[in-house]
Amino acid sequence: MVHPIIEDLLWRHTTKRYNAEKKIPQEDLDVLFEAMHLSASSINSQPWKFIVIESREAKERMNKTFARKYQFNQSHVFDSSQIILFAYNPRYTRDDYAKVVDKAIEDKRTRSEDREKAFSSFMFAELNTDETGNTGNWTKAQTYIALGNTLHTLARLRIDSTPMEGIDTDLVNEEFKKELDGYQCDVALAVGYYHPQDDYNSQLPKSRLDLASIMVCI
């Protein structure tokens, strides 16, 4: 199949080694960050926070979180252009949703007189809140929608990436506790440009199960 979207997805791969000398231009970062900002979420909840690690000091802090495990991802800290922490609100409340409703009024998506009516959608959050007030299963799922959107945007920009659940979440959340401000990070994303000699995965053909084995049209 020949189509720009398919070409983008065939192009992307999980990068195993980055070129530390090559950084992402600011104009591409601006597009990437706005695309992340526009990611979809259930009831437009936007229960996420994105921590962009790019300064030397921040990378030193991230490097420390590999002290105990997942060292196979540690080289990405300094070799990639940026690492982005994808974090979610584990206790999403009506007050959090009120910010979404009020922004919709400001943007003229919702009429001010319909403010209370707009909260009817919050029942989806309530249905995914346990007896202790935890919404983590639901809000984490929304964050992975943003991650998927980010991966596709990066492919369109021809920027390489490495999704990483291979992080020490305890150490990451402790080290960046101030920046996360109560949000939880379970996955990170390295972005940059692959090393043409050392990134073995860039030379391998794409492999997926046959479409007919995973899709049922009825």
C-alpha atoms as a PDB file:
ATOM      1  CA  MET A   1       0.000   0.000   0.000  1.00  0.00           C
ATOM      2  CA  VAL A   2       1.306   3.453  -0.943  1.00  0.00           C
ATOM      3  CA  HIS A   3       0.050   6.265   1.285  1.00  0.00           C
ATOM      4  CA  PRO A   4       1.895   8.964   3.282  1.00  0.00           C
ATOM      5  CA  ILE A   5       0.505   7.682   6.587  1.00  0.00           C
ATOM      6  CA  ILE A   6       1.604   4.115   5.850  1.00  0.00           C
ATOM      7  CA  GLU A   7       5.008   5.360   4.709  1.00  0.00           C
ATOM      8  CA  ASP A   8       5.396   7.207   8.019  1.00  0.00           C
ATOM      9  CA  LEU A   9       4.513   4.120  10.044  1.00  0.00           C
ATOM     10  CA  LEU A  10       6.758   1.873   7.993  1.00  0.00           C
ATOM     11  CA  TRP A  11       9.583   4.362   8.533  1.00  0.00           C
ATOM     12  CA  ARG A  12       9.408   4.459  12.337  1.00  0.00           C
ATOM     13  CA  HIS A  13      11.116   1.938  14.580  1.00  0.00           C
ATOM     14  CA  THR A  14      12.055   1.725  18.227  1.00  0.00           C
ATOM     15  CA  THR A  15      15.489   3.285  18.321  1.00  0.00           C
ATOM     16  CA  LYS A  16      18.147   1.330  20.226  1.00  0.00           C
ATOM     17  CA  ARG A  17      20.990   3.850  19.965  1.00  0.00           C
ATOM     18  CA  TYR A  18      20.895   7.615  19.410  1.00  0.00           C
ATOM     19  CA  ASN A  19      23.273  10.066  17.768  1.00  0.00           C
ATOM     20  CA  ALA A  20      24.240  12.288  20.682  1.00  0.00           C
ATOM     21  CA  GLU A  21      25.521  14.985  18.314  1.00  0.00           C
ATOM     22  CA  LYS A  22      22.158  15.591  16.666  1.00  0.00           C
ATOM     23  CA  LYS A  23      19.385  17.494  18.437  1.00  0.00           C
ATOM     24  CA  ILE A  24      15.792  18.209  17.432  1.00  0.00           C
ATOM     25  CA  PRO A  25      15.275  21.716  15.982  1.00  0.00           C
ATOM     26  CA  GLN A  26      13.049  23.985  18.056  1.00  0.00           C
ATOM     27  CA  GLU A  27      10.542  24.393  15.221  1.00  0.00           C
ATOM     28  CA  ASP A  28       9.962  20.634  15.180  1.00  0.00           C
ATOM     29  CA  LEU A  29       9.669  20.537  18.963  1.00  0.00           C
ATOM     30  CA  ASP A  30       7.015  23.252  18.747  1.00  0.00           C
ATOM     31  CA  VAL A  31       4.978  21.083  16.365  1.00  0.00           C
ATOM     32  CA  LEU A  32       5.495  18.000  18.526  1.00  0.00           C
ATOM     33  CA  PHE A  33       4.433  19.714  21.748  1.00  0.00           C
ATOM     34  CA  GLU A  34       1.323  21.212  20.155  1.00  0.00           C
ATOM     35  CA  ALA A  35       0.382  17.796  18.744  1.00  0.00           C
ATOM     36  CA  MET A  36       0.725  16.331  22.248  1.00  0.00           C
ATOM     37  CA  HIS A  37      -1.408  19.181  23.548  1.00  0.00           C
ATOM     38  CA  LEU A  38      -4.124  18.257  21.023  1.00  0.00           C
ATOM     39  CA  SER A  39      -4.240  14.553  21.977  1.00  0.00           C
ATOM     40  CA  ALA A  40      -7.642  12.969  22.494  1.00  0.00           C
ATOM     41  CA  SER A  41      -8.899  11.817  25.897  1.00  0.00           C
ATOM     42  CA  SER A  42     -12.127  10.491  27.378  1.00  0.00           C
ATOM     43  CA  ILE A  43     -14.557  13.378  28.096  1.00  0.00           C
ATOM     44  CA  ASN A  44     -11.680  15.665  27.072  1.00  0.00           C
ATOM     45  CA  SER A  45     -10.338  15.084  30.597  1.00  0.00           C
ATOM     46  CA  GLN A  46      -6.689  15.725  29.663  1.00  0.00           C
ATOM     47  CA  PRO A  47      -5.525  14.082  32.914  1.00  0.00           C
ATOM     48  CA  TRP A  48      -1.855  14.288  32.023  1.00  0.00           C
ATOM     49  CA  LYS A  49       1.363  16.153  32.515  1.00  0.00           C
ATOM     50  CA  PHE A  50       4.408  15.972  30.235  1.00  0.00           C
ATOM     51  CA  ILE A  51       7.838  16.558  31.791  1.00  0.00           C
ATOM     52  CA  VAL A  52      10.435  17.336  29.113  1.00  0.00           C
ATOM     53  CA  ILE A  53      13.961  16.443  30.224  1.00  0.00           C
ATOM     54  CA  GLU A  54      16.508  18.285  28.093  1.00  0.00           C
ATOM     55  CA  SER A  55      18.971  20.254  30.247  1.00  0.00           C
ATOM     56  CA  ARG A  56      22.204  18.663  31.388  1.00  0.00           C
ATOM     57  CA  GLU A  57      21.083  18.973  34.996  1.00  0.00           C
ATOM     58  CA  ALA A  58      17.744  17.274  34.314  1.00  0.00           C
ATOM     59  CA  LYS A  59      19.467  14.475  32.395  1.00  0.00           C
ATOM     60  CA  GLU A  60      21.856  13.919  35.297  1.00  0.00           C
ATOM     61  CA  ARG A  61      18.818  13.502  37.518  1.00  0.00           C
ATOM     62  CA  MET A  62      17.203  11.071  35.086  1.00  0.00           C
ATOM     63  CA  ASN A  63      20.442   9.141  34.828  1.00  0.00           C
ATOM     64  CA  LYS A  64      20.362   8.504  38.587  1.00  0.00           C
ATOM     65  CA  THR A  65      17.026   6.709  38.278  1.00  0.00           C
ATOM     66  CA  PHE A  66      18.729   3.815  36.472  1.00  0.00           C
ATOM     67  CA  ALA A  67      20.806   2.917  39.543  1.00  0.00           C
ATOM     68  CA  ARG A  68      18.924  -0.311  40.227  1.00  0.00           C
ATOM     69  CA  LYS A  69      17.555  -1.660  36.937  1.00  0.00           C
ATOM     70  CA  TYR A  70      16.762  -1.173  33.238  1.00  0.00           C
ATOM     71  CA  GLN A  71      20.299  -0.077  32.413  1.00  0.00           C
ATOM     72  CA  PHE A  72      19.698  -1.135  28.793  1.00  0.00           C
ATOM     73  CA  ASN A  73      17.754   2.140  28.417  1.00  0.00           C
ATOM     74  CA  GLN A  74      20.248   4.282  30.314  1.00  0.00           C
ATOM     75  CA  SER A  75      22.279   5.353  27.267  1.00  0.00           C
ATOM     76  CA  HIS A  76      19.210   7.152  25.907  1.00  0.00           C
ATOM     77  CA  VAL A  77      19.417   9.681  28.736  1.00  0.00           C
ATOM     78  CA  PHE A  78      22.398  11.536  27.290  1.00  0.00           C
ATOM     79  CA  ASP A  79      22.341  10.343  23.683  1.00  0.00           C
ATOM     80  CA  SER A  80      18.754  11.283  22.833  1.00  0.00           C
ATOM     81  CA  SER A  81      17.703  14.873  22.285  1.00  0.00           C
ATOM     82  CA  GLN A  82      15.019  14.824  24.991  1.00  0.00           C
ATOM     83  CA  ILE A  83      13.261  12.379  27.263  1.00  0.00           C
ATOM     84  CA  ILE A  84       9.605  13.027  27.958  1.00  0.00           C
ATOM     85  CA  LEU A  85       7.902  11.682  31.073  1.00  0.00           C
ATOM     86  CA  PHE A  86       4.232  10.872  30.431  1.00  0.00           C
ATOM     87  CA  ALA A  87       2.387  11.268  33.719  1.00  0.00           C
ATOM     88  CA  TYR A  88      -1.255  10.903  34.720  1.00  0.00           C
ATOM     89  CA  ASN A  89      -3.418  12.209  37.536  1.00  0.00           C
ATOM     90  CA  PRO A  90      -4.184   9.215  39.771  1.00  0.00           C
ATOM     91  CA  ARG A  91      -6.943  11.064  41.645  1.00  0.00           C
ATOM     92  CA  TYR A  92      -8.906  12.963  39.016  1.00  0.00           C
ATOM     93  CA  THR A  93     -11.731  14.931  40.645  1.00  0.00           C
ATOM     94  CA  ARG A  94     -14.646  17.167  39.751  1.00  0.00           C
ATOM     95  CA  ASP A  95     -12.392  20.148  40.463  1.00  0.00           C
ATOM     96  CA  ASP A  96      -9.971  18.883  37.804  1.00  0.00           C
ATOM     97  CA  TYR A  97     -12.813  18.547  35.326  1.00  0.00           C
ATOM     98  CA  ALA A  98     -14.049  22.026  36.215  1.00  0.00           C
ATOM     99  CA  LYS A  99     -10.866  23.407  34.644  1.00  0.00           C
ATOM    100  CA  VAL A 100     -11.763  21.595  31.403  1.00  0.00           C
ATOM    101  CA  VAL A 101     -15.334  22.915  31.479  1.00  0.00           C
ATOM    102  CA  ASP A 102     -14.240  26.483  32.197  1.00  0.00           C
ATOM    103  CA  LYS A 103     -11.651  26.380  29.410  1.00  0.00           C
ATOM    104  CA  ALA A 104     -14.361  25.144  27.036  1.00  0.00           C
ATOM    105  CA  ILE A 105     -16.456  28.164  28.023  1.00  0.00           C
ATOM    106  CA  GLU A 106     -13.471  30.451  27.445  1.00  0.00           C
ATOM    107  CA  ASP A 107     -12.917  28.854  24.024  1.00  0.00           C
ATOM    108  CA  LYS A 108     -16.653  29.232  23.232  1.00  0.00           C
ATOM    109  CA  ARG A 109     -17.138  25.490  22.868  1.00  0.00           C
ATOM    110  CA  THR A 110     -19.563  25.517  25.797  1.00  0.00           C
ATOM    111  CA  ARG A 111     -22.008  28.294  26.651  1.00  0.00           C
ATOM    112  CA  SER A 112     -21.574  29.774  30.113  1.00  0.00           C
ATOM    113  CA  GLU A 113     -25.228  29.127  30.922  1.00  0.00           C
ATOM    114  CA  ASP A 114     -24.635  25.418  30.204  1.00  0.00           C
ATOM    115  CA  ARG A 115     -21.772  25.080  32.698  1.00  0.00           C
ATOM    116  CA  GLU A 116     -23.580  22.782  35.145  1.00  0.00           C
ATOM    117  CA  LYS A 117     -25.010  20.703  32.319  1.00  0.00           C
ATOM    118  CA  ALA A 118     -21.487  20.145  31.020  1.00  0.00           C
ATOM    119  CA  PHE A 119     -20.618  18.235  34.195  1.00  0.00           C
ATOM    120  CA  SER A 120     -22.923  15.381  33.144  1.00  0.00           C
ATOM    121  CA  SER A 121     -19.945  13.905  31.274  1.00  0.00           C
ATOM    122  CA  PHE A 122     -18.045  13.617  34.540  1.00  0.00           C
ATOM    123  CA  MET A 123     -19.997  10.440  35.281  1.00  0.00           C
ATOM    124  CA  PHE A 124     -17.426   8.592  33.145  1.00  0.00           C
ATOM    125  CA  ALA A 125     -14.743   9.628  35.611  1.00  0.00           C
ATOM    126  CA  GLU A 126     -16.937   8.656  38.543  1.00  0.00           C
ATOM    127  CA  LEU A 127     -17.525   5.226  37.020  1.00  0.00           C
ATOM    128  CA  ASN A 128     -13.752   4.778  36.956  1.00  0.00           C
ATOM    129  CA  THR A 129     -13.092   5.978  40.505  1.00  0.00           C
ATOM    130  CA  ASP A 130     -12.682   3.357  43.213  1.00  0.00           C
ATOM    131  CA  GLU A 131     -13.797   3.645  46.819  1.00  0.00           C
ATOM    132  CA  THR A 132     -10.505   5.304  47.797  1.00  0.00           C
ATOM    133  CA  GLY A 133     -10.775   8.001  45.104  1.00  0.00           C
ATOM    134  CA  ASN A 134      -8.198   6.401  42.820  1.00  0.00           C
ATOM    135  CA  THR A 135      -8.742   6.955  39.085  1.00  0.00           C
ATOM    136  CA  GLY A 136      -5.356   5.646  37.952  1.00  0.00           C
ATOM    137  CA  ASN A 137      -6.540   2.821  35.709  1.00  0.00           C
ATOM    138  CA  TRP A 138      -8.661   5.256  33.707  1.00  0.00           C
ATOM    139  CA  THR A 139      -6.314   8.251  33.594  1.00  0.00           C
ATOM    140  CA  LYS A 140      -3.303   6.098  32.756  1.00  0.00           C
ATOM    141  CA  ALA A 141      -5.203   4.743  29.756  1.00  0.00           C
ATOM    142  CA  GLN A 142      -5.797   8.304  28.526  1.00  0.00           C
ATOM    143  CA  THR A 143      -2.078   9.015  28.778  1.00  0.00           C
ATOM    144  CA  TYR A 144      -1.319   6.110  26.451  1.00  0.00           C
ATOM    145  CA  ILE A 145      -3.619   7.696  23.864  1.00  0.00           C
ATOM    146  CA  ALA A 146      -1.361  10.756  24.038  1.00  0.00           C
ATOM    147  CA  LEU A 147       1.696   8.524  23.714  1.00  0.00           C
ATOM    148  CA  GLY A 148       0.304   6.904  20.561  1.00  0.00           C
ATOM    149  CA  ASN A 149      -0.471  10.294  19.049  1.00  0.00           C
ATOM    150  CA  THR A 150       3.050  11.441  19.895  1.00  0.00           C
ATOM    151  CA  LEU A 151       4.646   8.432  18.201  1.00  0.00           C
ATOM    152  CA  HIS A 152       2.732   9.055  14.994  1.00  0.00           C
ATOM    153  CA  THR A 153       3.580  12.771  15.045  1.00  0.00           C
ATOM    154  CA  LEU A 154       7.259  11.953  15.493  1.00  0.00           C
ATOM    155  CA  ALA A 155       7.130   9.602  12.520  1.00  0.00           C
ATOM    156  CA  ARG A 156       5.616  12.334  10.376  1.00  0.00           C
ATOM    157  CA  LEU A 157       8.414  14.668  11.465  1.00  0.00           C
ATOM    158  CA  ARG A 158      11.005  11.945  10.808  1.00  0.00           C
ATOM    159  CA  ILE A 159      12.156  12.064  14.412  1.00  0.00           C
ATOM    160  CA  ASP A 160      13.184   8.798  16.059  1.00  0.00           C
ATOM    161  CA  SER A 161      11.787   7.581  19.347  1.00  0.00           C
ATOM    162  CA  THR A 162      11.919   4.903  22.028  1.00  0.00           C
ATOM    163  CA  PRO A 163       8.900   4.276  24.297  1.00  0.00           C
ATOM    164  CA  MET A 164      10.219   3.141  27.672  1.00  0.00           C
ATOM    165  CA  GLU A 165       8.242   1.291  30.277  1.00  0.00           C
ATOM    166  CA  GLY A 166      11.708   0.096  31.234  1.00  0.00           C
ATOM    167  CA  ILE A 167      12.175   2.792  33.847  1.00  0.00           C
ATOM    168  CA  ASP A 168      12.351   2.518  37.614  1.00  0.00           C
ATOM    169  CA  THR A 169       9.021   4.182  38.349  1.00  0.00           C
ATOM    170  CA  ASP A 170       9.718   4.460  42.074  1.00  0.00           C
ATOM    171  CA  LEU A 171      12.978   6.343  41.520  1.00  0.00           C
ATOM    172  CA  VAL A 172      11.604   8.438  38.635  1.00  0.00           C
ATOM    173  CA  ASN A 173       8.595   9.562  40.632  1.00  0.00           C
ATOM    174  CA  GLU A 174      10.752  10.347  43.653  1.00  0.00           C
ATOM    175  CA  GLU A 175      13.433  12.225  41.684  1.00  0.00           C
ATOM    176  CA  PHE A 176      10.898  14.351  39.790  1.00  0.00           C
ATOM    177  CA  LYS A 177       8.375  14.599  42.617  1.00  0.00           C
ATOM    178  CA  LYS A 178       8.309  18.399  42.529  1.00  0.00           C
ATOM    179  CA  GLU A 179       7.736  18.619  38.780  1.00  0.00           C
ATOM    180  CA  LEU A 180       5.143  15.812  38.776  1.00  0.00           C
ATOM    181  CA  ASP A 181       3.234  17.512  41.602  1.00  0.00           C
ATOM    182  CA  GLY A 182       1.125  14.491  42.537  1.00  0.00           C
ATOM    183  CA  TYR A 183       0.965  12.966  39.052  1.00  0.00           C
ATOM    184  CA  GLN A 184       2.299   9.459  38.390  1.00  0.00           C
ATOM    185  CA  CYS A 185       4.781   8.528  35.666  1.00  0.00           C
ATOM    186  CA  ASP A 186       4.856   4.917  34.439  1.00  0.00           C
ATOM    187  CA  VAL A 187       6.279   5.448  30.954  1.00  0.00           C
ATOM    188  CA  ALA A 188       8.841   7.708  29.301  1.00  0.00           C
ATOM    189  CA  LEU A 189       9.738   8.476  25.699  1.00  0.00           C
ATOM    190  CA  ALA A 190      13.218   9.166  24.339  1.00  0.00           C
ATOM    191  CA  VAL A 191      13.269  11.292  21.170  1.00  0.00           C
ATOM    192  CA  GLY A 192      16.057  12.287  18.808  1.00  0.00           C
ATOM    193  CA  TYR A 193      17.888  10.780  15.844  1.00  0.00           C
ATOM    194  CA  TYR A 194      19.202   7.250  15.529  1.00  0.00           C
ATOM    195  CA  HIS A 195      22.896   6.400  15.320  1.00  0.00           C
ATOM    196  CA  PRO A 196      23.405   5.122  11.742  1.00  0.00           C
ATOM    197  CA  GLN A 197      26.079   2.586  12.740  1.00  0.00           C
ATOM    198  CA  ASP A 198      25.049   1.494  16.238  1.00  0.00           C
ATOM    199  CA  ASP A 199      21.263   1.357  16.022  1.00  0.00           C
ATOM    200  CA  TYR A 200      20.822  -2.212  14.802  1.00  0.00           C
ATOM    201  CA  ASN A 201      17.028  -1.964  14.816  1.00  0.00           C
ATOM    202  CA  SER A 202      17.048   0.676  12.086  1.00  0.00           C
ATOM    203  CA  GLN A 203      18.327  -1.893   9.567  1.00  0.00           C
ATOM    204  CA  LEU A 204      15.764  -4.601  10.291  1.00  0.00           C
ATOM    205  CA  PRO A 205      12.609  -5.037   8.192  1.00  0.00           C
ATOM    206  CA  LYS A 206       9.237  -4.197   9.713  1.00  0.00           C
ATOM    207  CA  SER A 207       7.386  -7.263  10.975  1.00  0.00           C
ATOM    208  CA  ARG A 208       3.746  -7.486  12.034  1.00  0.00           C
ATOM    209  CA  LEU A 209       1.181 -10.290  12.266  1.00  0.00           C
ATOM    210  CA  ASP A 210      -0.997 -10.621   9.189  1.00  0.00           C
ATOM    211  CA  LEU A 211      -3.836  -8.092   9.217  1.00  0.00           C
ATOM    212  CA  ALA A 212      -6.401 -10.842   8.706  1.00  0.00           C
ATOM    213  CA  SER A 213      -5.290 -12.529  11.927  1.00  0.00           C
ATOM    214  CA  ILE A 214      -5.991  -9.477  14.107  1.00  0.00           C
ATOM    215  CA  MET A 215      -8.927  -7.753  12.400  1.00  0.00           C
ATOM    216  CA  VAL A 216     -12.480  -9.046  12.126  1.00  0.00           C
ATOM    217  CA  CYS A 217     -14.871  -7.108   9.923  1.00  0.00           C
ATOM    218  CA  ILE A 218     -18.522  -8.021  10.522  1.00  0.00           C
END
